[in-house]
PDB file of all heavy atoms in Angstrom:
ATOM      1  N   LEU A   1      94.788 204.810  73.090  1.00  0.00           N
ATOM      2  CA  LEU A   1      94.082 204.435  71.872  1.00  0.00           C
ATOM      3  C   LEU A   1      94.079 202.917  71.794  1.00  0.00           C
ATOM      4  O   LEU A   1      95.137 202.289  71.708  1.00  0.00           O
ATOM      5  CB  LEU A   1      94.778 205.026  70.648  1.00  0.00           C
ATOM      6  CG  LEU A   1      95.002 206.535  70.637  1.00  0.00           C
ATOM      7  CD1 LEU A   1      95.763 206.955  69.382  1.00  0.00           C
ATOM      8  CD2 LEU A   1      93.677 207.270  70.731  1.00  0.00           C
ATOM      9  N   LYS A   2      92.876 202.331  71.843  1.00  0.00           N
ATOM     10  CA  LYS A   2      92.768 200.879  71.910  1.00  0.00           C
ATOM     11  C   LYS A   2      92.064 200.318  70.681  1.00  0.00           C
ATOM     12  O   LYS A   2      91.022 200.811  70.280  1.00  0.00           O
ATOM     13  CB  LYS A   2      92.006 200.460  73.168  1.00  0.00           C
ATOM     14  CG  LYS A   2      92.702 200.866  74.451  1.00  0.00           C
ATOM     15  CD  LYS A   2      92.025 200.300  75.664  1.00  0.00           C
ATOM     16  CE  LYS A   2      90.854 201.172  76.057  1.00  0.00           C
ATOM     17  NZ  LYS A   2      90.222 200.743  77.308  1.00  0.00           N
ATOM     18  N   SER A   3      92.644 199.282  70.125  1.00  0.00           N
ATOM     19  CA  SER A   3      92.038 198.533  69.022  1.00  0.00           C
ATOM     20  C   SER A   3      91.175 197.428  69.610  1.00  0.00           C
ATOM     21  O   SER A   3      91.415 196.970  70.725  1.00  0.00           O
ATOM     22  CB  SER A   3      93.126 197.905  68.149  1.00  0.00           C
ATOM     23  OG  SER A   3      93.953 198.897  67.594  1.00  0.00           O
ATOM     24  N   SER A   4      90.198 196.959  68.833  1.00  0.00           N
ATOM     25  CA  SER A   4      89.407 195.811  69.291  1.00  0.00           C
ATOM     26  C   SER A   4      89.896 194.516  68.658  1.00  0.00           C
ATOM     27  O   SER A   4      89.341 193.455  68.908  1.00  0.00           O
ATOM     28  CB  SER A   4      87.921 196.040  68.998  1.00  0.00           C
ATOM     29  OG  SER A   4      87.698 196.185  67.618  1.00  0.00           O
ATOM     30  N   ASN A   5      90.946 194.600  67.861  1.00  0.00           N
ATOM     31  CA  ASN A   5      91.607 193.430  67.306  1.00  0.00           C
ATOM     32  C   ASN A   5      92.795 193.127  68.223  1.00  0.00           C
ATOM     33  O   ASN A   5      93.679 193.976  68.396  1.00  0.00           O
ATOM     34  CB  ASN A   5      92.089 193.728  65.881  1.00  0.00           C
ATOM     35  CG  ASN A   5      92.784 192.562  65.219  1.00  0.00           C
ATOM     36  OD1 ASN A   5      93.260 191.652  65.873  1.00  0.00           O
ATOM     37  ND2 ASN A   5      92.843 192.598  63.892  1.00  0.00           N
ATOM     38  N   PRO A   6      92.840 191.929  68.839  1.00  0.00           N
ATOM     39  CA  PRO A   6      93.911 191.627  69.798  1.00  0.00           C
ATOM     40  C   PRO A   6      95.316 191.619  69.196  1.00  0.00           C
ATOM     41  O   PRO A   6      96.293 191.597  69.935  1.00  0.00           O
ATOM     42  CB  PRO A   6      93.531 190.248  70.339  1.00  0.00           C
ATOM     43  CG  PRO A   6      92.597 189.667  69.344  1.00  0.00           C
ATOM     44  CD  PRO A   6      91.902 190.818  68.666  1.00  0.00           C
ATOM     45  N   HIS A   7      95.439 191.661  67.885  1.00  0.00           N
ATOM     46  CA  HIS A   7      96.763 191.694  67.256  1.00  0.00           C
ATOM     47  C   HIS A   7      97.439 193.061  67.372  1.00  0.00           C
ATOM     48  O   HIS A   7      98.611 193.201  67.031  1.00  0.00           O
ATOM     49  CB  HIS A   7      96.669 191.286  65.787  1.00  0.00           C
ATOM     50  CG  HIS A   7      96.355 189.837  65.618  1.00  0.00           C
ATOM     51  ND1 HIS A   7      95.114 189.390  65.251  1.00  0.00           N
ATOM     52  CD2 HIS A   7      97.120 188.739  65.796  1.00  0.00           C
ATOM     53  CE1 HIS A   7      95.133 188.077  65.204  1.00  0.00           C
ATOM     54  NE2 HIS A   7      96.333 187.652  65.526  1.00  0.00           N
ATOM     55  N   TYR A   8      96.687 194.077  67.822  1.00  0.00           N
ATOM     56  CA  TYR A   8      97.240 195.425  67.946  1.00  0.00           C
ATOM     57  C   TYR A   8      97.279 195.825  69.407  1.00  0.00           C
ATOM     58  O   TYR A   8      96.276 195.719  70.122  1.00  0.00           O
ATOM     59  CB  TYR A   8      96.387 196.432  67.160  1.00  0.00           C
ATOM     60  CG  TYR A   8      96.342 196.158  65.687  1.00  0.00           C
ATOM     61  CD1 TYR A   8      95.340 195.361  65.138  1.00  0.00           C
ATOM     62  CD2 TYR A   8      97.298 196.696  64.834  1.00  0.00           C
ATOM     63  CE1 TYR A   8      95.291 195.101  63.783  1.00  0.00           C
ATOM     64  CE2 TYR A   8      97.253 196.443  63.467  1.00  0.00           C
ATOM     65  CZ  TYR A   8      96.249 195.643  62.958  1.00  0.00           C
ATOM     66  OH  TYR A   8      96.206 195.389  61.612  1.00  0.00           O
ATOM     67  N   LYS A   9      98.439 196.297  69.849  1.00  0.00           N
ATOM     68  CA  LYS A   9      98.598 196.735  71.239  1.00  0.00           C
ATOM     69  C   LYS A   9      98.057 198.152  71.413  1.00  0.00           C
ATOM     70  O   LYS A   9      98.119 198.962  70.484  1.00  0.00           O
ATOM     71  CB  LYS A   9     100.073 196.708  71.632  1.00  0.00           C
ATOM     72  CG  LYS A   9     100.641 195.322  71.679  1.00  0.00           C
ATOM     73  CD  LYS A   9     102.080 195.347  72.129  1.00  0.00           C
ATOM     74  CE  LYS A   9     102.616 193.926  72.174  1.00  0.00           C
ATOM     75  NZ  LYS A   9     103.984 193.884  72.647  1.00  0.00           N
ATOM     76  N   PRO A  10      97.547 198.472  72.616  1.00  0.00           N
ATOM     77  CA  PRO A  10      97.111 199.845  72.890  1.00  0.00           C
ATOM     78  C   PRO A  10      98.294 200.809  72.766  1.00  0.00           C
ATOM     79  O   PRO A  10      99.444 200.436  72.991  1.00  0.00           O
ATOM     80  CB  PRO A  10      96.621 199.791  74.335  1.00  0.00           C
ATOM     81  CG  PRO A  10      96.371 198.344  74.604  1.00  0.00           C
ATOM     82  CD  PRO A  10      97.329 197.581  73.740  1.00  0.00           C
ATOM     83  N   MET A  11      97.987 202.046  72.391  1.00  0.00           N
ATOM     84  CA  MET A  11      99.017 203.079  72.265  1.00  0.00           C
ATOM     85  C   MET A  11      98.698 204.191  73.254  1.00  0.00           C
ATOM     86  O   MET A  11      97.598 204.743  73.218  1.00  0.00           O
ATOM     87  CB  MET A  11      99.012 203.667  70.848  1.00  0.00           C
ATOM     88  CG  MET A  11      99.331 202.677  69.767  1.00  0.00           C
ATOM     89  SD  MET A  11      99.332 203.446  68.107  1.00  0.00           S
ATOM     90  CE  MET A  11      97.600 203.736  67.875  1.00  0.00           C
ATOM     91  N   LEU A  12      99.651 204.504  74.118  1.00  0.00           N
ATOM     92  CA  LEU A  12      99.499 205.622  75.048  1.00  0.00           C
ATOM     93  C   LEU A  12     100.173 206.834  74.413  1.00  0.00           C
ATOM     94  O   LEU A  12     101.382 206.843  74.198  1.00  0.00           O
ATOM     95  CB  LEU A  12     100.130 205.305  76.403  1.00  0.00           C
ATOM     96  CG  LEU A  12      99.997 206.390  77.454  1.00  0.00           C
ATOM     97  CD1 LEU A  12      98.529 206.700  77.759  1.00  0.00           C
ATOM     98  CD2 LEU A  12     100.728 205.984  78.723  1.00  0.00           C
ATOM     99  N   ILE A  13      99.363 207.851  74.115  1.00  0.00           N
ATOM    100  CA  ILE A  13      99.845 209.038  73.421  1.00  0.00           C
ATOM    101  C   ILE A  13      99.722 210.240  74.354  1.00  0.00           C
ATOM    102  O   ILE A  13      98.655 210.460  74.939  1.00  0.00           O
ATOM    103  CB  ILE A  13      99.027 209.293  72.136  1.00  0.00           C
ATOM    104  CG1 ILE A  13      98.946 208.028  71.263  1.00  0.00           C
ATOM    105  CG2 ILE A  13      99.587 210.471  71.372  1.00  0.00           C
ATOM    106  CD1 ILE A  13     100.264 207.508  70.765  1.00  0.00           C
ATOM    107  N   PRO A  14     100.776 211.028  74.525  1.00  0.00           N
ATOM    108  CA  PRO A  14     100.689 212.214  75.385  1.00  0.00           C
ATOM    109  C   PRO A  14      99.593 213.171  74.914  1.00  0.00           C
ATOM    110  O   PRO A  14      99.337 213.293  73.710  1.00  0.00           O
ATOM    111  CB  PRO A  14     102.070 212.868  75.253  1.00  0.00           C
ATOM    112  CG  PRO A  14     102.977 211.768  74.803  1.00  0.00           C
ATOM    113  CD  PRO A  14     102.125 210.868  73.958  1.00  0.00           C
ATOM    114  N   TYR A  15      98.959 213.807  75.893  1.00  0.00           N
ATOM    115  CA  TYR A  15      97.950 214.816  75.559  1.00  0.00           C
ATOM    116  C   TYR A  15      98.573 215.864  74.641  1.00  0.00           C
ATOM    117  O   TYR A  15      99.730 216.215  74.770  1.00  0.00           O
ATOM    118  CB  TYR A  15      97.422 215.483  76.833  1.00  0.00           C
ATOM    119  CG  TYR A  15      96.525 214.571  77.638  1.00  0.00           C
ATOM    120  CD1 TYR A  15      96.979 213.979  78.806  1.00  0.00           C
ATOM    121  CD2 TYR A  15      95.232 214.295  77.204  1.00  0.00           C
ATOM    122  CE1 TYR A  15      96.159 213.137  79.542  1.00  0.00           C
ATOM    123  CE2 TYR A  15      94.408 213.448  77.941  1.00  0.00           C
ATOM    124  CZ  TYR A  15      94.875 212.875  79.097  1.00  0.00           C
ATOM    125  OH  TYR A  15      94.062 212.029  79.811  1.00  0.00           O
ATOM    126  N   GLY A  16      97.812 216.328  73.688  1.00  0.00           N
ATOM    127  CA  GLY A  16      98.286 217.347  72.758  1.00  0.00           C
ATOM    128  C   GLY A  16      98.846 216.783  71.467  1.00  0.00           C
ATOM    129  O   GLY A  16      99.022 217.519  70.502  1.00  0.00           O
ATOM    130  N   GLU A  17      99.137 215.478  71.427  1.00  0.00           N
ATOM    131  CA  GLU A  17      99.685 214.873  70.206  1.00  0.00           C
ATOM    132  C   GLU A  17      98.615 214.195  69.358  1.00  0.00           C
ATOM    133  O   GLU A  17      98.880 213.790  68.234  1.00  0.00           O
ATOM    134  CB  GLU A  17     100.781 213.869  70.553  1.00  0.00           C
ATOM    135  CG  GLU A  17     102.027 214.540  71.113  1.00  0.00           C
ATOM    136  CD  GLU A  17     103.174 213.578  71.318  1.00  0.00           C
ATOM    137  OE1 GLU A  17     103.184 212.496  70.689  1.00  0.00           O
ATOM    138  OE2 GLU A  17     104.062 213.911  72.109  1.00  0.00           O
ATOM    139  N   VAL A  18      97.405 214.070  69.913  1.00  0.00           N
ATOM    140  CA  VAL A  18      96.297 213.433  69.207  1.00  0.00           C
ATOM    141  C   VAL A  18      95.239 214.485  68.935  1.00  0.00           C
ATOM    142  O   VAL A  18      94.878 215.257  69.818  1.00  0.00           O
ATOM    143  CB  VAL A  18      95.675 212.297  70.053  1.00  0.00           C
ATOM    144  CG1 VAL A  18      94.475 211.695  69.350  1.00  0.00           C
ATOM    145  CG2 VAL A  18      96.696 211.236  70.366  1.00  0.00           C
ATOM    146  N   LEU A  19      94.752 214.521  67.709  1.00  0.00           N
ATOM    147  CA  LEU A  19      93.687 215.436  67.335  1.00  0.00           C
ATOM    148  C   LEU A  19      92.404 214.636  67.153  1.00  0.00           C
ATOM    149  O   LEU A  19      92.354 213.711  66.332  1.00  0.00           O
ATOM    150  CB  LEU A  19      94.029 216.159  66.027  1.00  0.00           C
ATOM    151  CG  LEU A  19      92.947 217.044  65.430  1.00  0.00           C
ATOM    152  CD1 LEU A  19      92.666 218.224  66.354  1.00  0.00           C
ATOM    153  CD2 LEU A  19      93.357 217.518  64.054  1.00  0.00           C
ATOM    154  N   ALA A  20      91.377 214.970  67.924  1.00  0.00           N
ATOM    155  CA  ALA A  20      90.082 214.300  67.784  1.00  0.00           C
ATOM    156  C   ALA A  20      89.375 214.840  66.552  1.00  0.00           C
ATOM    157  O   ALA A  20      89.243 216.043  66.381  1.00  0.00           O
ATOM    158  CB  ALA A  20      89.236 214.531  69.024  1.00  0.00           C
ATOM    159  N   VAL A  21      88.926 213.937  65.688  1.00  0.00           N
ATOM    160  CA  VAL A  21      88.136 214.315  64.522  1.00  0.00           C
ATOM    161  C   VAL A  21      86.659 214.192  64.868  1.00  0.00           C
ATOM    162  O   VAL A  21      85.867 215.087  64.619  1.00  0.00           O
ATOM    163  CB  VAL A  21      88.478 213.444  63.298  1.00  0.00           C
ATOM    164  CG1 VAL A  21      87.572 213.779  62.116  1.00  0.00           C
ATOM    165  CG2 VAL A  21      89.947 213.629  62.923  1.00  0.00           C
ATOM    166  N   GLY A  22      86.280 213.058  65.469  1.00  0.00           N
ATOM    167  CA  GLY A  22      84.892 212.869  65.847  1.00  0.00           C
ATOM    168  C   GLY A  22      84.612 211.472  66.348  1.00  0.00           C
ATOM    169  O   GLY A  22      85.495 210.629  66.431  1.00  0.00           O
ATOM    170  N   VAL A  23      83.336 211.257  66.673  1.00  0.00           N
ATOM    171  CA  VAL A  23      82.861 209.987  67.213  1.00  0.00           C
ATOM    172  C   VAL A  23      82.234 209.170  66.084  1.00  0.00           C
ATOM    173  O   VAL A  23      81.470 209.704  65.275  1.00  0.00           O
ATOM    174  CB  VAL A  23      81.816 210.231  68.321  1.00  0.00           C
ATOM    175  CG1 VAL A  23      81.204 208.928  68.805  1.00  0.00           C
ATOM    176  CG2 VAL A  23      82.445 210.984  69.477  1.00  0.00           C
ATOM    177  N   VAL A  24      82.558 207.882  66.050  1.00  0.00           N
ATOM    178  CA  VAL A  24      81.960 206.990  65.062  1.00  0.00           C
ATOM    179  C   VAL A  24      80.525 206.701  65.508  1.00  0.00           C
ATOM    180  O   VAL A  24      80.300 206.087  66.545  1.00  0.00           O
ATOM    181  CB  VAL A  24      82.767 205.683  64.909  1.00  0.00           C
ATOM    182  CG1 VAL A  24      82.077 204.730  63.952  1.00  0.00           C
ATOM    183  CG2 VAL A  24      84.186 205.992  64.446  1.00  0.00           C
ATOM    184  N   ASP A  25      79.556 207.178  64.717  1.00  0.00           N
ATOM    185  CA  ASP A  25      78.138 206.974  65.043  1.00  0.00           C
ATOM    186  C   ASP A  25      77.575 205.713  64.409  1.00  0.00           C
ATOM    187  O   ASP A  25      76.732 205.050  64.997  1.00  0.00           O
ATOM    188  CB  ASP A  25      77.307 208.176  64.591  1.00  0.00           C
ATOM    189  CG  ASP A  25      77.244 209.282  65.628  1.00  0.00           C
ATOM    190  OD1 ASP A  25      77.817 209.132  66.711  1.00  0.00           O
ATOM    191  OD2 ASP A  25      76.601 210.302  65.339  1.00  0.00           O
TER     192      ASP A  25
END
């Protein structure tokens, strides 16, 4: 999970711990 603000580090989350809600259109 990557932010586009450089102040936030990417987060590597194991499969199964993240629930996809949807795509930002």
